Full PDB file with SEQRES, HELIX, SHEET, SSBOND, CRYST1, ORIGX, SCALE, CONECT and MASTER records, all heavy atoms in Angstrom:
SEQRES   1 A   32  ALA VAL LEU LEU ASN ASP ILE GLY GLN ALA PHE PHE ASP          
SEQRES   2 A   32  SER LEU HIS VAL LYS GLY ILE PRO LEU HIS ARG LEU ILE          
SEQRES   3 A   32  VAL THR SER VAL LEU ARG                                      
HELIX    1 AA1 VAL A    2  VAL A   17  1                                  16    
CRYST1    1.000    1.000    1.000  90.00  90.00  90.00 P 1           1          
ORIGX1      1.000000  0.000000  0.000000        0.00000                         
ORIGX2      0.000000  1.000000  0.000000        0.00000                         
ORIGX3      0.000000  0.000000  1.000000        0.00000                         
SCALE1      1.000000  0.000000  0.000000        0.00000                         
SCALE2      0.000000  1.000000  0.000000        0.00000                         
SCALE3      0.000000  0.000000  1.000000        0.00000                         
ATOM      1  N   ALA A   1     117.601 101.250 125.559  1.00  0.00           N  
ATOM      2  CA  ALA A   1     116.880 101.353 124.339  1.00  0.00           C  
ATOM      3  C   ALA A   1     117.757 101.426 122.996  1.00  0.00           C  
ATOM      4  O   ALA A   1     117.437 100.876 122.093  1.00  0.00           O  
ATOM      5  CB  ALA A   1     115.986 102.601 124.327  1.00  0.00           C  
ATOM      6  N   VAL A   2     118.970 102.030 123.220  1.00  0.00           N  
ATOM      7  CA  VAL A   2     119.896 102.012 122.171  1.00  0.00           C  
ATOM      8  C   VAL A   2     120.423 100.652 121.887  1.00  0.00           C  
ATOM      9  O   VAL A   2     120.646 100.199 120.750  1.00  0.00           O  
ATOM     10  CB  VAL A   2     121.106 103.076 122.509  1.00  0.00           C  
ATOM     11  CG1 VAL A   2     122.193 102.898 121.500  1.00  0.00           C  
ATOM     12  CG2 VAL A   2     120.583 104.487 122.580  1.00  0.00           C  
ATOM     13  N   LEU A   3     120.676  99.874 123.038  1.00  0.00           N  
ATOM     14  CA  LEU A   3     121.198  98.546 122.869  1.00  0.00           C  
ATOM     15  C   LEU A   3     120.150  97.697 122.089  1.00  0.00           C  
ATOM     16  O   LEU A   3     120.658  96.911 121.145  1.00  0.00           O  
ATOM     17  CB  LEU A   3     121.430  97.899 124.271  1.00  0.00           C  
ATOM     18  CG  LEU A   3     121.783  96.386 124.287  1.00  0.00           C  
ATOM     19  CD1 LEU A   3     123.080  96.129 123.594  1.00  0.00           C  
ATOM     20  CD2 LEU A   3     121.693  95.881 125.684  1.00  0.00           C  
ATOM     21  N   LEU A   4     118.926  97.693 122.516  1.00  0.00           N  
ATOM     22  CA  LEU A   4     117.860  96.907 121.748  1.00  0.00           C  
ATOM     23  C   LEU A   4     117.874  97.244 120.390  1.00  0.00           C  
ATOM     24  O   LEU A   4     117.721  96.453 119.378  1.00  0.00           O  
ATOM     25  CB  LEU A   4     116.601  97.180 122.404  1.00  0.00           C  
ATOM     26  CG  LEU A   4     115.401  96.460 121.797  1.00  0.00           C  
ATOM     27  CD1 LEU A   4     115.523  94.994 121.665  1.00  0.00           C  
ATOM     28  CD2 LEU A   4     114.045  96.872 122.564  1.00  0.00           C  
ATOM     29  N   ASN A   5     117.896  98.582 119.962  1.00  0.00           N  
ATOM     30  CA  ASN A   5     117.811  98.935 118.589  1.00  0.00           C  
ATOM     31  C   ASN A   5     119.053  98.529 117.851  1.00  0.00           C  
ATOM     32  O   ASN A   5     119.012  98.068 116.752  1.00  0.00           O  
ATOM     33  CB  ASN A   5     117.791 100.598 118.518  1.00  0.00           C  
ATOM     34  CG  ASN A   5     117.383 101.064 117.182  1.00  0.00           C  
ATOM     35  OD1 ASN A   5     116.246 100.970 116.795  1.00  0.00           O  
ATOM     36  ND2 ASN A   5     118.357 101.626 116.428  1.00  0.00           N  
ATOM     37  N   ASP A   6     120.202  98.522 118.449  1.00  0.00           N  
ATOM     38  CA  ASP A   6     121.426  98.159 117.780  1.00  0.00           C  
ATOM     39  C   ASP A   6     121.380  96.638 117.560  1.00  0.00           C  
ATOM     40  O   ASP A   6     121.916  96.032 116.456  1.00  0.00           O  
ATOM     41  CB  ASP A   6     122.684  98.413 118.646  1.00  0.00           C  
ATOM     42  CG  ASP A   6     123.038  99.939 118.635  1.00  0.00           C  
ATOM     43  OD1 ASP A   6     122.317 100.684 117.842  1.00  0.00           O  
ATOM     44  OD2 ASP A   6     123.853 100.451 119.423  1.00  0.00           O  
ATOM     45  N   ILE A   7     120.860  95.845 118.466  1.00  0.00           N  
ATOM     46  CA  ILE A   7     120.718  94.463 118.255  1.00  0.00           C  
ATOM     47  C   ILE A   7     119.818  94.094 117.069  1.00  0.00           C  
ATOM     48  O   ILE A   7     120.120  93.348 116.222  1.00  0.00           O  
ATOM     49  CB  ILE A   7     120.195  93.702 119.547  1.00  0.00           C  
ATOM     50  CG1 ILE A   7     121.173  93.711 120.707  1.00  0.00           C  
ATOM     51  CG2 ILE A   7     119.662  92.339 119.238  1.00  0.00           C  
ATOM     52  CD1 ILE A   7     120.658  93.258 122.012  1.00  0.00           C  
ATOM     53  N   GLY A   8     118.670  94.804 116.946  1.00  0.00           N  
ATOM     54  CA  GLY A   8     117.781  94.707 115.856  1.00  0.00           C  
ATOM     55  C   GLY A   8     118.341  95.032 114.603  1.00  0.00           C  
ATOM     56  O   GLY A   8     118.186  94.311 113.589  1.00  0.00           O  
ATOM     57  N   GLN A   9     119.140  96.165 114.537  1.00  0.00           N  
ATOM     58  CA  GLN A   9     119.784  96.508 113.268  1.00  0.00           C  
ATOM     59  C   GLN A   9     120.901  95.461 112.897  1.00  0.00           C  
ATOM     60  O   GLN A   9     121.010  95.195 111.691  1.00  0.00           O  
ATOM     61  CB  GLN A   9     120.455  97.902 113.440  1.00  0.00           C  
ATOM     62  CG  GLN A   9     120.970  98.493 112.123  1.00  0.00           C  
ATOM     63  CD  GLN A   9     121.460  99.929 112.231  1.00  0.00           C  
ATOM     64  OE1 GLN A   9     121.257 100.524 113.393  1.00  0.00           O  
ATOM     65  NE2 GLN A   9     121.843 100.518 111.218  1.00  0.00           N  
ATOM     66  N   ALA A  10     121.671  95.020 113.914  1.00  0.00           N  
ATOM     67  CA  ALA A  10     122.683  94.104 113.573  1.00  0.00           C  
ATOM     68  C   ALA A  10     122.135  92.743 113.042  1.00  0.00           C  
ATOM     69  O   ALA A  10     122.628  92.140 112.258  1.00  0.00           O  
ATOM     70  CB  ALA A  10     123.589  93.789 114.808  1.00  0.00           C  
ATOM     71  N   PHE A  11     120.931  92.417 113.605  1.00  0.00           N  
ATOM     72  CA  PHE A  11     120.338  91.131 113.171  1.00  0.00           C  
ATOM     73  C   PHE A  11     119.833  91.357 111.682  1.00  0.00           C  
ATOM     74  O   PHE A  11     119.972  90.426 110.852  1.00  0.00           O  
ATOM     75  CB  PHE A  11     119.012  90.922 113.984  1.00  0.00           C  
ATOM     76  CG  PHE A  11     118.251  89.655 113.736  1.00  0.00           C  
ATOM     77  CD1 PHE A  11     118.919  88.415 113.899  1.00  0.00           C  
ATOM     78  CD2 PHE A  11     116.988  89.730 113.348  1.00  0.00           C  
ATOM     79  CE1 PHE A  11     118.151  87.281 113.617  1.00  0.00           C  
ATOM     80  CE2 PHE A  11     116.220  88.536 113.102  1.00  0.00           C  
ATOM     81  CZ  PHE A  11     116.885  87.346 113.176  1.00  0.00           C  
ATOM     82  N   PHE A  12     119.321  92.503 111.325  1.00  0.00           N  
ATOM     83  CA  PHE A  12     118.930  92.777 109.935  1.00  0.00           C  
ATOM     84  C   PHE A  12     120.132  92.642 109.097  1.00  0.00           C  
ATOM     85  O   PHE A  12     120.086  92.005 107.991  1.00  0.00           O  
ATOM     86  CB  PHE A  12     118.310  94.193 109.830  1.00  0.00           C  
ATOM     87  CG  PHE A  12     116.898  94.169 109.839  1.00  0.00           C  
ATOM     88  CD1 PHE A  12     116.090  93.349 110.561  1.00  0.00           C  
ATOM     89  CD2 PHE A  12     116.166  95.191 109.144  1.00  0.00           C  
ATOM     90  CE1 PHE A  12     114.746  93.397 110.600  1.00  0.00           C  
ATOM     91  CE2 PHE A  12     114.771  95.258 109.127  1.00  0.00           C  
ATOM     92  CZ  PHE A  12     114.013  94.397 109.836  1.00  0.00           C  
ATOM     93  N   ASP A  13     121.178  93.311 109.509  1.00  0.00           N  
ATOM     94  CA  ASP A  13     122.449  93.281 108.673  1.00  0.00           C  
ATOM     95  C   ASP A  13     122.960  91.822 108.452  1.00  0.00           C  
ATOM     96  O   ASP A  13     123.420  91.437 107.422  1.00  0.00           O  
ATOM     97  CB  ASP A  13     123.601  94.050 109.366  1.00  0.00           C  
ATOM     98  CG  ASP A  13     123.267  95.613 109.296  1.00  0.00           C  
ATOM     99  OD1 ASP A  13     122.304  96.081 108.500  1.00  0.00           O  
ATOM    100  OD2 ASP A  13     123.848  96.400 110.097  1.00  0.00           O  
ATOM    101  N   SER A  14     122.847  91.040 109.526  1.00  0.00           N  
ATOM    102  CA  SER A  14     123.414  89.712 109.437  1.00  0.00           C  
ATOM    103  C   SER A  14     122.603  88.852 108.450  1.00  0.00           C  
ATOM    104  O   SER A  14     123.063  88.059 107.686  1.00  0.00           O  
ATOM    105  CB  SER A  14     123.420  89.101 110.733  1.00  0.00           C  
ATOM    106  OG  SER A  14     124.045  87.802 110.804  1.00  0.00           O  
ATOM    107  N   LEU A  15     121.182  88.979 108.538  1.00  0.00           N  
ATOM    108  CA  LEU A  15     120.316  88.252 107.690  1.00  0.00           C  
ATOM    109  C   LEU A  15     120.655  88.692 106.193  1.00  0.00           C  
ATOM    110  O   LEU A  15     120.664  87.848 105.373  1.00  0.00           O  
ATOM    111  CB  LEU A  15     118.904  88.638 108.093  1.00  0.00           C  
ATOM    112  CG  LEU A  15     118.385  88.056 109.359  1.00  0.00           C  
ATOM    113  CD1 LEU A  15     116.972  88.537 109.572  1.00  0.00           C  
ATOM    114  CD2 LEU A  15     118.429  86.535 109.437  1.00  0.00           C  
ATOM    115  N   HIS A  16     120.704  90.007 105.998  1.00  0.00           N  
ATOM    116  CA  HIS A  16     120.989  90.381 104.641  1.00  0.00           C  
ATOM    117  C   HIS A  16     122.285  89.856 104.089  1.00  0.00           C  
ATOM    118  O   HIS A  16     122.380  89.318 102.962  1.00  0.00           O  
ATOM    119  CB  HIS A  16     121.095  91.941 104.546  1.00  0.00           C  
ATOM    120  CG  HIS A  16     121.384  92.546 103.254  1.00  0.00           C  
ATOM    121  ND1 HIS A  16     120.569  92.549 102.218  1.00  0.00           N  
ATOM    122  CD2 HIS A  16     122.600  93.156 102.797  1.00  0.00           C  
ATOM    123  CE1 HIS A  16     121.171  93.047 101.083  1.00  0.00           C  
ATOM    124  NE2 HIS A  16     122.367  93.490 101.591  1.00  0.00           N  
ATOM    125  N   VAL A  17     123.382  89.878 104.865  1.00  0.00           N  
ATOM    126  CA  VAL A  17     124.753  89.306 104.341  1.00  0.00           C  
ATOM    127  C   VAL A  17     124.577  87.803 104.153  1.00  0.00           C  
ATOM    128  O   VAL A  17     125.231  87.312 103.113  1.00  0.00           O  
ATOM    129  CB  VAL A  17     125.718  89.626 105.440  1.00  0.00           C  
ATOM    130  CG1 VAL A  17     127.045  88.786 105.217  1.00  0.00           C  
ATOM    131  CG2 VAL A  17     126.136  91.060 105.545  1.00  0.00           C  
ATOM    132  N   LYS A  18     123.778  87.056 104.821  1.00  0.00           N  
ATOM    133  CA  LYS A  18     123.664  85.607 104.669  1.00  0.00           C  
ATOM    134  C   LYS A  18     122.587  85.296 103.728  1.00  0.00           C  
ATOM    135  O   LYS A  18     122.322  84.123 103.413  1.00  0.00           O  
ATOM    136  CB  LYS A  18     123.336  85.001 106.077  1.00  0.00           C  
ATOM    137  CG  LYS A  18     124.470  85.231 107.131  1.00  0.00           C  
ATOM    138  CD  LYS A  18     124.016  84.634 108.417  1.00  0.00           C  
ATOM    139  CE  LYS A  18     125.055  84.962 109.502  1.00  0.00           C  
ATOM    140  NZ  LYS A  18     126.464  84.508 109.226  1.00  0.00           N  
ATOM    141  N   GLY A  19     121.978  86.319 103.060  1.00  0.00           N  
ATOM    142  CA  GLY A  19     120.948  86.012 102.032  1.00  0.00           C  
ATOM    143  C   GLY A  19     119.609  85.478 102.561  1.00  0.00           C  
ATOM    144  O   GLY A  19     118.948  84.743 101.827  1.00  0.00           O  
ATOM    145  N   ILE A  20     119.366  85.819 103.794  1.00  0.00           N  
ATOM    146  CA  ILE A  20     118.082  85.339 104.455  1.00  0.00           C  
ATOM    147  C   ILE A  20     117.026  86.339 104.423  1.00  0.00           C  
ATOM    148  O   ILE A  20     117.357  87.515 104.742  1.00  0.00           O  
ATOM    149  CB  ILE A  20     118.373  84.834 105.847  1.00  0.00           C  
ATOM    150  CG1 ILE A  20     119.474  83.814 105.856  1.00  0.00           C  
ATOM    151  CG2 ILE A  20     117.098  84.308 106.528  1.00  0.00           C  
ATOM    152  CD1 ILE A  20     119.880  83.382 107.301  1.00  0.00           C  
ATOM    153  N   PRO A  21     115.802  86.028 104.061  1.00  0.00           N  
ATOM    154  CA  PRO A  21     114.714  87.175 104.059  1.00  0.00           C  
ATOM    155  C   PRO A  21     114.686  87.829 105.526  1.00  0.00           C  
ATOM    156  O   PRO A  21     114.895  87.243 106.594  1.00  0.00           O  
ATOM    157  CB  PRO A  21     113.463  86.403 103.848  1.00  0.00           C  
ATOM    158  CG  PRO A  21     113.853  85.179 102.972  1.00  0.00           C  
ATOM    159  CD  PRO A  21     115.250  84.820 103.557  1.00  0.00           C  
ATOM    160  N   LEU A  22     114.409  89.056 105.459  1.00  0.00           N  
ATOM    161  CA  LEU A  22     114.464  89.881 106.750  1.00  0.00           C  
ATOM    162  C   LEU A  22     113.303  89.448 107.703  1.00  0.00           C  
ATOM    163  O   LEU A  22     112.166  89.298 107.174  1.00  0.00           O  
ATOM    164  CB  LEU A  22     114.350  91.361 106.419  1.00  0.00           C  
ATOM    165  CG  LEU A  22     115.516  91.964 105.727  1.00  0.00           C  
ATOM    166  CD1 LEU A  22     115.325  93.500 105.458  1.00  0.00           C  
ATOM    167  CD2 LEU A  22     116.863  91.827 106.250  1.00  0.00           C  
ATOM    168  N   HIS A  23     113.624  89.394 108.945  1.00  0.00           N  
ATOM    169  CA  HIS A  23     112.667  89.134 109.952  1.00  0.00           C  
ATOM    170  C   HIS A  23     112.991  90.157 111.262  1.00  0.00           C  
ATOM    171  O   HIS A  23     114.061  90.365 111.465  1.00  0.00           O  
ATOM    172  CB  HIS A  23     112.780  87.776 110.480  1.00  0.00           C  
ATOM    173  CG  HIS A  23     112.205  86.734 109.523  1.00  0.00           C  
ATOM    174  ND1 HIS A  23     112.927  86.514 108.389  1.00  0.00           N  
ATOM    175  CD2 HIS A  23     111.151  85.919 109.574  1.00  0.00           C  
ATOM    176  CE1 HIS A  23     112.295  85.455 107.698  1.00  0.00           C  
ATOM    177  NE2 HIS A  23     111.227  85.140 108.450  1.00  0.00           N  
ATOM    178  N   ARG A  24     111.835  90.543 111.761  1.00  0.00           N  
ATOM    179  CA  ARG A  24     112.012  91.426 112.983  1.00  0.00           C  
ATOM    180  C   ARG A  24     112.059  90.529 114.203  1.00  0.00           C  
ATOM    181  O   ARG A  24     111.371  89.516 114.323  1.00  0.00           O  
ATOM    182  CB  ARG A  24     110.842  92.334 113.054  1.00  0.00           C  
ATOM    183  CG  ARG A  24     110.911  93.503 112.013  1.00  0.00           C  
ATOM    184  CD  ARG A  24     110.002  94.688 112.410  1.00  0.00           C  
ATOM    185  NE  ARG A  24     108.584  94.320 112.427  1.00  0.00           N  
ATOM    186  CZ  ARG A  24     107.614  95.021 112.978  1.00  0.00           C  
ATOM    187  NH1 ARG A  24     107.981  96.107 113.633  1.00  0.00           N  
ATOM    188  NH2 ARG A  24     106.404  94.601 112.861  1.00  0.00           N  
ATOM    189  N   LEU A  25     112.795  90.981 115.178  1.00  0.00           N  
ATOM    190  CA  LEU A  25     112.773  90.264 116.473  1.00  0.00           C  
ATOM    191  C   LEU A  25     111.559  90.591 117.239  1.00  0.00           C  
ATOM    192  O   LEU A  25     110.810  91.471 116.961  1.00  0.00           O  
ATOM    193  CB  LEU A  25     114.073  90.820 117.344  1.00  0.00           C  
ATOM    194  CG  LEU A  25     115.428  90.640 116.657  1.00  0.00           C  
ATOM    195  CD1 LEU A  25     116.473  91.310 117.574  1.00  0.00           C  
ATOM    196  CD2 LEU A  25     115.675  89.090 116.525  1.00  0.00           C  
ATOM    197  N   ILE A  26     111.136  89.717 118.260  1.00  0.00           N  
ATOM    198  CA  ILE A  26     109.910  89.897 119.000  1.00  0.00           C  
ATOM    199  C   ILE A  26     110.424  90.114 120.512  1.00  0.00           C  
ATOM    200  O   ILE A  26     111.037  89.226 121.114  1.00  0.00           O  
ATOM    201  CB  ILE A  26     108.994  88.695 118.937  1.00  0.00           C  
ATOM    202  CG1 ILE A  26     108.484  88.666 117.462  1.00  0.00           C  
ATOM    203  CG2 ILE A  26     107.814  88.866 119.857  1.00  0.00           C  
ATOM    204  CD1 ILE A  26     107.583  87.465 117.264  1.00  0.00           C  
ATOM    205  N   VAL A  27     110.004  91.259 121.059  1.00  0.00           N  
ATOM    206  CA  VAL A  27     110.394  91.614 122.419  1.00  0.00           C  
ATOM    207  C   VAL A  27     109.137  91.178 123.253  1.00  0.00           C  
ATOM    208  O   VAL A  27     107.980  91.652 122.903  1.00  0.00           O  
ATOM    209  CB  VAL A  27     110.655  93.033 122.621  1.00  0.00           C  
ATOM    210  CG1 VAL A  27     110.860  93.414 124.080  1.00  0.00           C  
ATOM    211  CG2 VAL A  27     111.822  93.530 121.748  1.00  0.00           C  
ATOM    212  N   THR A  28     109.352  90.334 124.256  1.00  0.00           N  
ATOM    213  CA  THR A  28     108.210  89.831 125.089  1.00  0.00           C  
ATOM    214  C   THR A  28     108.046  90.544 126.382  1.00  0.00           C  
ATOM    215  O   THR A  28     107.043  90.295 127.119  1.00  0.00           O  
ATOM    216  CB  THR A  28     108.407  88.328 125.270  1.00  0.00           C  
ATOM    217  OG1 THR A  28     109.605  88.058 125.879  1.00  0.00           O  
ATOM    218  CG2 THR A  28     108.308  87.647 123.902  1.00  0.00           C  
ATOM    219  N   SER A  29     109.083  91.148 126.964  1.00  0.00           N  
ATOM    220  CA  SER A  29     108.952  91.767 128.303  1.00  0.00           C  
ATOM    221  C   SER A  29     109.966  92.892 128.417  1.00  0.00           C  
ATOM    222  O   SER A  29     111.080  92.814 127.957  1.00  0.00           O  
ATOM    223  CB  SER A  29     109.331  90.740 129.389  1.00  0.00           C  
ATOM    224  OG  SER A  29     109.070  91.277 130.685  1.00  0.00           O  
ATOM    225  N   VAL A  30     109.572  93.936 129.087  1.00  0.00           N  
ATOM    226  CA  VAL A  30     110.311  95.185 129.216  1.00  0.00           C  
ATOM    227  C   VAL A  30     110.312  95.642 130.626  1.00  0.00           C  
ATOM    228  O   VAL A  30     110.603  94.816 131.542  1.00  0.00           O  
ATOM    229  CB  VAL A  30     109.936  96.277 128.247  1.00  0.00           C  
ATOM    230  CG1 VAL A  30     111.154  97.199 127.882  1.00  0.00           C  
ATOM    231  CG2 VAL A  30     109.433  95.592 126.960  1.00  0.00           C  
ATOM    232  N   LEU A  31     110.033  96.947 130.825  1.00  0.00           N  
ATOM    233  CA  LEU A  31     109.984  97.397 132.239  1.00  0.00           C  
ATOM    234  C   LEU A  31     108.783  96.979 133.060  1.00  0.00           C  
ATOM    235  O   LEU A  31     107.701  96.956 132.481  1.00  0.00           O  
ATOM    236  CB  LEU A  31     109.952  98.948 132.103  1.00  0.00           C  
ATOM    237  CG  LEU A  31     109.670  99.663 133.408  1.00  0.00           C  
ATOM    238  CD1 LEU A  31     110.831  99.567 134.425  1.00  0.00           C  
ATOM    239  CD2 LEU A  31     109.250 101.158 133.143  1.00  0.00           C  
ATOM    240  N   ARG A  32     109.029  96.487 134.273  1.00  0.00           N  
ATOM    241  CA  ARG A  32     107.981  96.073 135.079  1.00  0.00           C  
ATOM    242  C   ARG A  32     107.922  96.927 136.231  1.00  0.00           C  
ATOM    243  O   ARG A  32     108.888  97.326 136.983  1.00  0.00           O  
ATOM    244  CB  ARG A  32     108.253  94.587 135.642  1.00  0.00           C  
ATOM    245  CG  ARG A  32     108.046  93.568 134.454  1.00  0.00           C  
ATOM    246  CD  ARG A  32     108.236  92.118 134.991  1.00  0.00           C  
ATOM    247  NE  ARG A  32     108.259  91.173 133.854  1.00  0.00           N  
ATOM    248  CZ  ARG A  32     108.864  89.956 134.022  1.00  0.00           C  
ATOM    249  NH1 ARG A  32     109.532  89.601 135.065  1.00  0.00           N  
ATOM    250  NH2 ARG A  32     108.777  89.122 133.042  1.00  0.00           N  
TER     251      ARG A  32                                                      
MASTER        0    0    0    1    0    0    0    6  250    1    0    3          
END                                                                             
């Protein structure tokens, strides 16, 4: 869960630095 949150935050940071409008990631599968 921490890894997933860190990936999402790093994605936000990278979009901001590159001047791209913010987008959220989409998770399609988790615990089965």
